[in-house]
């Protein structure tokens, strides 16, 4: 989160990225604090083999941006051992 608080959200799917944005927003509300999509600083997900962002990745990012997300949308590829940023497709971060 933008305040430095880590937040883990997983759907446990191994082969696809699927995130229901409404469910995510509900899970962002904790007894201590109520976060919103706009409070997310970084979203990172895994790809095991392919080091390219998929159509589903891009679609999810568009949906999040419509809800106020302005953070980094990252993907870690296990095969290359690198982290990629969708906003800067040519640059890897590790």
N, C-alpha and C. Protein backbone atom coordinates (compact mmCIF):
# COMPACT_ATOMS: atom_id res chain seq x y z
N UNK A 1 0.84 -1.17 0.00
CA UNK A 1 0.00 0.00 0.00
C UNK A 1 0.90 1.25 0.00
N UNK A 2 0.34 2.37 -0.34
CA UNK A 2 1.15 3.58 -0.41
C UNK A 2 1.72 3.99 0.94
N UNK A 3 1.10 3.54 2.03
CA UNK A 3 1.64 3.86 3.36
C UNK A 3 2.68 2.85 3.83
N UNK A 4 3.05 1.91 2.96
CA UNK A 4 4.07 0.93 3.29
C UNK A 4 3.54 -0.38 3.86
N UNK A 5 2.26 -0.46 4.12
CA UNK A 5 1.66 -1.68 4.66
C UNK A 5 1.58 -2.74 3.58
N UNK A 6 2.14 -3.93 3.81
CA UNK A 6 2.01 -5.00 2.81
C UNK A 6 0.60 -5.59 2.85
N UNK A 7 0.12 -6.00 1.71
CA UNK A 7 -1.20 -6.61 1.61
C UNK A 7 -1.12 -7.74 0.60
N UNK A 8 -1.49 -8.94 1.01
CA UNK A 8 -1.43 -10.09 0.12
C UNK A 8 -2.84 -10.48 -0.30
N UNK A 9 -3.02 -10.64 -1.58
CA UNK A 9 -4.30 -11.09 -2.12
C UNK A 9 -3.99 -12.14 -3.17
N UNK A 10 -4.55 -13.31 -3.04
CA UNK A 10 -4.28 -14.38 -4.00
C UNK A 10 -5.56 -15.15 -4.26
N UNK A 11 -5.70 -15.58 -5.51
CA UNK A 11 -6.84 -16.44 -5.84
C UNK A 11 -6.40 -17.89 -5.95
N UNK A 12 -5.09 -18.13 -5.82
CA UNK A 12 -4.50 -19.46 -5.84
C UNK A 12 -4.57 -20.17 -7.20
N UNK A 13 -4.91 -19.45 -8.26
CA UNK A 13 -4.88 -20.04 -9.59
C UNK A 13 -3.43 -20.11 -10.07
N UNK A 14 -3.04 -21.22 -10.59
CA UNK A 14 -1.65 -21.38 -11.01
C UNK A 14 -1.41 -20.88 -12.43
N UNK A 15 -2.39 -21.00 -13.32
CA UNK A 15 -2.15 -20.72 -14.73
C UNK A 15 -2.77 -19.43 -15.26
N UNK A 16 -3.55 -18.73 -14.45
CA UNK A 16 -4.16 -17.49 -14.94
C UNK A 16 -4.16 -16.44 -13.83
N UNK A 17 -4.16 -15.19 -14.27
CA UNK A 17 -4.35 -14.10 -13.32
C UNK A 17 -5.84 -13.76 -13.37
N UNK A 18 -6.48 -13.93 -12.26
CA UNK A 18 -7.89 -13.58 -12.17
C UNK A 18 -8.09 -12.86 -10.85
N UNK A 19 -8.53 -11.64 -10.96
CA UNK A 19 -8.78 -10.86 -9.76
C UNK A 19 -10.12 -10.15 -9.96
N UNK A 20 -11.06 -10.44 -9.10
CA UNK A 20 -12.32 -9.73 -9.11
C UNK A 20 -12.09 -8.43 -8.35
N UNK A 21 -12.21 -7.32 -9.04
CA UNK A 21 -11.88 -6.03 -8.44
C UNK A 21 -12.81 -5.70 -7.28
N UNK A 22 -14.08 -6.07 -7.37
CA UNK A 22 -15.00 -5.83 -6.25
C UNK A 22 -14.58 -6.62 -5.03
N UNK A 23 -14.18 -7.89 -5.22
CA UNK A 23 -13.72 -8.70 -4.10
C UNK A 23 -12.43 -8.13 -3.51
N UNK A 24 -11.54 -7.69 -4.37
CA UNK A 24 -10.31 -7.08 -3.90
C UNK A 24 -10.62 -5.88 -3.02
N UNK A 25 -11.51 -5.02 -3.48
CA UNK A 25 -11.83 -3.83 -2.70
C UNK A 25 -12.44 -4.19 -1.34
N UNK A 26 -13.26 -5.23 -1.30
CA UNK A 26 -13.82 -5.68 -0.01
C UNK A 26 -12.72 -6.17 0.91
N UNK A 27 -11.74 -6.89 0.36
CA UNK A 27 -10.64 -7.42 1.16
C UNK A 27 -9.67 -6.35 1.64
N UNK A 28 -9.69 -5.20 1.00
CA UNK A 28 -8.82 -4.10 1.40
C UNK A 28 -9.28 -3.44 2.70
N UNK A 29 -10.50 -3.74 3.10
CA UNK A 29 -11.04 -3.17 4.35
C UNK A 29 -10.68 -4.09 5.50
N UNK A 30 -9.87 -3.58 6.42
CA UNK A 30 -9.46 -4.34 7.58
C UNK A 30 -10.02 -3.66 8.84
N UNK A 31 -10.00 -4.35 9.97
CA UNK A 31 -10.46 -3.70 11.20
C UNK A 31 -9.64 -2.45 11.55
N UNK A 32 -8.37 -2.45 11.16
CA UNK A 32 -7.50 -1.32 11.49
C UNK A 32 -7.65 -0.15 10.52
N UNK A 33 -7.88 -0.45 9.26
CA UNK A 33 -7.87 0.61 8.24
C UNK A 33 -8.71 0.20 7.03
N UNK A 34 -9.31 1.16 6.40
CA UNK A 34 -10.06 0.91 5.18
C UNK A 34 -9.26 1.47 4.01
N UNK A 35 -8.71 0.55 3.22
CA UNK A 35 -7.98 0.95 2.02
C UNK A 35 -8.91 0.90 0.83
N UNK A 36 -8.47 1.58 -0.23
CA UNK A 36 -9.19 1.57 -1.49
C UNK A 36 -8.20 1.23 -2.60
N UNK A 37 -8.72 0.98 -3.78
CA UNK A 37 -7.86 0.65 -4.92
C UNK A 37 -6.82 1.75 -5.13
N UNK A 38 -7.19 2.99 -4.96
CA UNK A 38 -6.26 4.10 -5.18
C UNK A 38 -5.11 4.12 -4.17
N UNK A 39 -5.23 3.37 -3.08
CA UNK A 39 -4.18 3.32 -2.06
C UNK A 39 -3.10 2.28 -2.36
N UNK A 40 -3.28 1.49 -3.39
CA UNK A 40 -2.32 0.44 -3.75
C UNK A 40 -1.12 1.07 -4.47
N UNK A 41 0.08 0.80 -3.97
CA UNK A 41 1.30 1.33 -4.59
C UNK A 41 1.83 0.39 -5.66
N UNK A 42 1.80 -0.93 -5.37
CA UNK A 42 2.38 -1.92 -6.29
C UNK A 42 1.52 -3.16 -6.31
N UNK A 43 1.24 -3.64 -7.51
CA UNK A 43 0.62 -4.95 -7.69
C UNK A 43 1.64 -5.79 -8.44
N UNK A 44 1.95 -6.95 -7.89
CA UNK A 44 2.89 -7.85 -8.55
C UNK A 44 2.28 -9.24 -8.60
N UNK A 45 2.43 -9.88 -9.75
CA UNK A 45 1.96 -11.26 -9.90
C UNK A 45 3.04 -12.07 -10.62
N UNK A 46 2.87 -13.37 -10.63
CA UNK A 46 3.88 -14.28 -11.17
C UNK A 46 3.49 -14.85 -12.52
N UNK A 47 4.50 -15.04 -13.35
CA UNK A 47 4.41 -15.88 -14.54
C UNK A 47 5.52 -16.91 -14.38
N UNK A 48 5.22 -18.14 -14.61
CA UNK A 48 6.24 -19.17 -14.44
C UNK A 48 7.17 -19.28 -15.64
N UNK A 49 6.64 -19.14 -16.85
CA UNK A 49 7.47 -19.32 -18.04
C UNK A 49 7.55 -18.08 -18.93
N UNK A 50 6.43 -17.47 -19.20
CA UNK A 50 6.37 -16.39 -20.19
C UNK A 50 6.69 -15.05 -19.54
N UNK A 51 7.62 -14.31 -20.14
CA UNK A 51 8.04 -13.03 -19.58
C UNK A 51 7.35 -11.83 -20.25
N UNK A 52 6.17 -12.05 -20.77
CA UNK A 52 5.38 -11.00 -21.41
C UNK A 52 4.06 -10.83 -20.67
N UNK A 53 3.56 -9.61 -20.65
CA UNK A 53 2.24 -9.37 -20.06
C UNK A 53 1.17 -9.88 -21.01
N UNK A 54 0.19 -10.56 -20.47
CA UNK A 54 -0.89 -11.14 -21.28
C UNK A 54 -2.02 -10.12 -21.49
N UNK A 55 -2.93 -10.48 -22.37
CA UNK A 55 -4.12 -9.66 -22.59
C UNK A 55 -4.89 -9.51 -21.27
N UNK A 56 -5.01 -10.59 -20.49
CA UNK A 56 -5.71 -10.55 -19.21
C UNK A 56 -5.03 -9.60 -18.23
N UNK A 57 -3.70 -9.59 -18.24
CA UNK A 57 -2.95 -8.67 -17.38
C UNK A 57 -3.31 -7.23 -17.72
N UNK A 58 -3.29 -6.92 -19.01
CA UNK A 58 -3.59 -5.55 -19.46
C UNK A 58 -5.03 -5.16 -19.16
N UNK A 59 -5.94 -6.11 -19.33
CA UNK A 59 -7.35 -5.86 -19.05
C UNK A 59 -7.55 -5.57 -17.56
N UNK A 60 -6.90 -6.35 -16.71
CA UNK A 60 -7.00 -6.14 -15.27
C UNK A 60 -6.46 -4.76 -14.90
N UNK A 61 -5.32 -4.40 -15.44
CA UNK A 61 -4.74 -3.09 -15.14
C UNK A 61 -5.67 -1.96 -15.56
N UNK A 62 -6.29 -2.09 -16.72
CA UNK A 62 -7.25 -1.05 -17.16
C UNK A 62 -8.40 -0.92 -16.17
N UNK A 63 -8.93 -2.07 -15.71
CA UNK A 63 -10.02 -2.05 -14.75
C UNK A 63 -9.61 -1.40 -13.43
N UNK A 64 -8.41 -1.71 -12.99
CA UNK A 64 -7.91 -1.11 -11.75
C UNK A 64 -7.71 0.40 -11.91
N UNK A 65 -7.19 0.82 -13.06
CA UNK A 65 -6.99 2.25 -13.30
C UNK A 65 -8.32 2.99 -13.29
N UNK A 66 -9.37 2.37 -13.79
CA UNK A 66 -10.70 3.00 -13.77
C UNK A 66 -11.18 3.22 -12.33
N UNK A 67 -10.67 2.40 -11.41
CA UNK A 67 -11.04 2.52 -9.98
C UNK A 67 -10.05 3.38 -9.19
N UNK A 68 -9.08 3.98 -9.88
CA UNK A 68 -8.17 4.91 -9.21
C UNK A 68 -6.75 4.42 -8.99
N UNK A 69 -6.44 3.20 -9.42
CA UNK A 69 -5.08 2.68 -9.25
C UNK A 69 -4.12 3.48 -10.11
N UNK A 70 -3.05 3.99 -9.48
CA UNK A 70 -2.02 4.70 -10.24
C UNK A 70 -0.62 4.22 -9.87
N UNK A 71 -0.54 3.03 -9.28
CA UNK A 71 0.74 2.47 -8.87
C UNK A 71 1.40 1.67 -9.97
N UNK A 72 2.38 0.88 -9.59
CA UNK A 72 3.11 0.03 -10.53
C UNK A 72 2.42 -1.32 -10.67
N UNK A 73 2.31 -1.80 -11.89
CA UNK A 73 1.75 -3.12 -12.18
C UNK A 73 2.91 -3.98 -12.66
N UNK A 74 3.35 -4.90 -11.81
CA UNK A 74 4.56 -5.68 -12.06
C UNK A 74 4.26 -7.16 -12.26
N UNK A 75 5.19 -7.82 -12.92
CA UNK A 75 5.12 -9.26 -13.13
C UNK A 75 6.51 -9.84 -12.89
N UNK A 76 6.57 -10.88 -12.07
CA UNK A 76 7.83 -11.60 -11.84
C UNK A 76 7.79 -12.89 -12.65
N UNK A 77 8.82 -13.12 -13.45
CA UNK A 77 8.91 -14.33 -14.26
C UNK A 77 9.93 -15.26 -13.61
N UNK A 78 9.49 -16.45 -13.23
CA UNK A 78 10.37 -17.43 -12.59
C UNK A 78 11.45 -17.93 -13.54
N UNK A 79 11.13 -18.06 -14.82
CA UNK A 79 12.11 -18.58 -15.78
C UNK A 79 13.30 -17.63 -15.93
N UNK A 80 13.02 -16.33 -16.01
CA UNK A 80 14.09 -15.35 -16.21
C UNK A 80 14.64 -14.79 -14.89
N UNK A 81 13.90 -15.03 -13.82
CA UNK A 81 14.27 -14.49 -12.50
C UNK A 81 14.33 -12.97 -12.52
N UNK A 82 13.38 -12.35 -13.26
CA UNK A 82 13.34 -10.89 -13.39
C UNK A 82 11.93 -10.39 -13.14
N UNK A 83 11.86 -9.12 -12.76
CA UNK A 83 10.59 -8.44 -12.55
C UNK A 83 10.41 -7.42 -13.65
N UNK A 84 9.22 -7.39 -14.25
CA UNK A 84 8.91 -6.49 -15.36
C UNK A 84 7.78 -5.55 -14.96
N UNK A 85 7.83 -4.34 -15.48
CA UNK A 85 6.82 -3.33 -15.20
C UNK A 85 6.00 -3.08 -16.46
N UNK A 86 4.69 -3.16 -16.36
CA UNK A 86 3.83 -2.97 -17.53
C UNK A 86 3.95 -1.55 -18.07
N UNK A 87 4.15 -0.59 -17.21
CA UNK A 87 4.25 0.80 -17.66
C UNK A 87 5.49 1.04 -18.50
N UNK A 88 6.51 0.24 -18.30
CA UNK A 88 7.75 0.35 -19.05
C UNK A 88 8.13 -1.05 -19.54
N UNK A 89 7.51 -1.48 -20.62
CA UNK A 89 7.62 -2.86 -21.08
C UNK A 89 9.04 -3.31 -21.38
N UNK A 90 9.93 -2.40 -21.73
CA UNK A 90 11.28 -2.80 -22.13
C UNK A 90 12.23 -2.87 -20.95
N UNK A 91 11.85 -2.35 -19.83
CA UNK A 91 12.75 -2.30 -18.68
C UNK A 91 12.39 -3.41 -17.69
N UNK A 92 13.37 -4.16 -17.25
CA UNK A 92 13.11 -5.09 -16.16
C UNK A 92 13.73 -4.50 -14.91
N UNK A 93 13.17 -4.86 -13.78
CA UNK A 93 13.56 -4.21 -12.53
C UNK A 93 14.56 -4.99 -11.70
N UNK A 94 14.88 -6.23 -12.07
CA UNK A 94 15.88 -6.98 -11.31
C UNK A 94 16.87 -7.61 -12.25
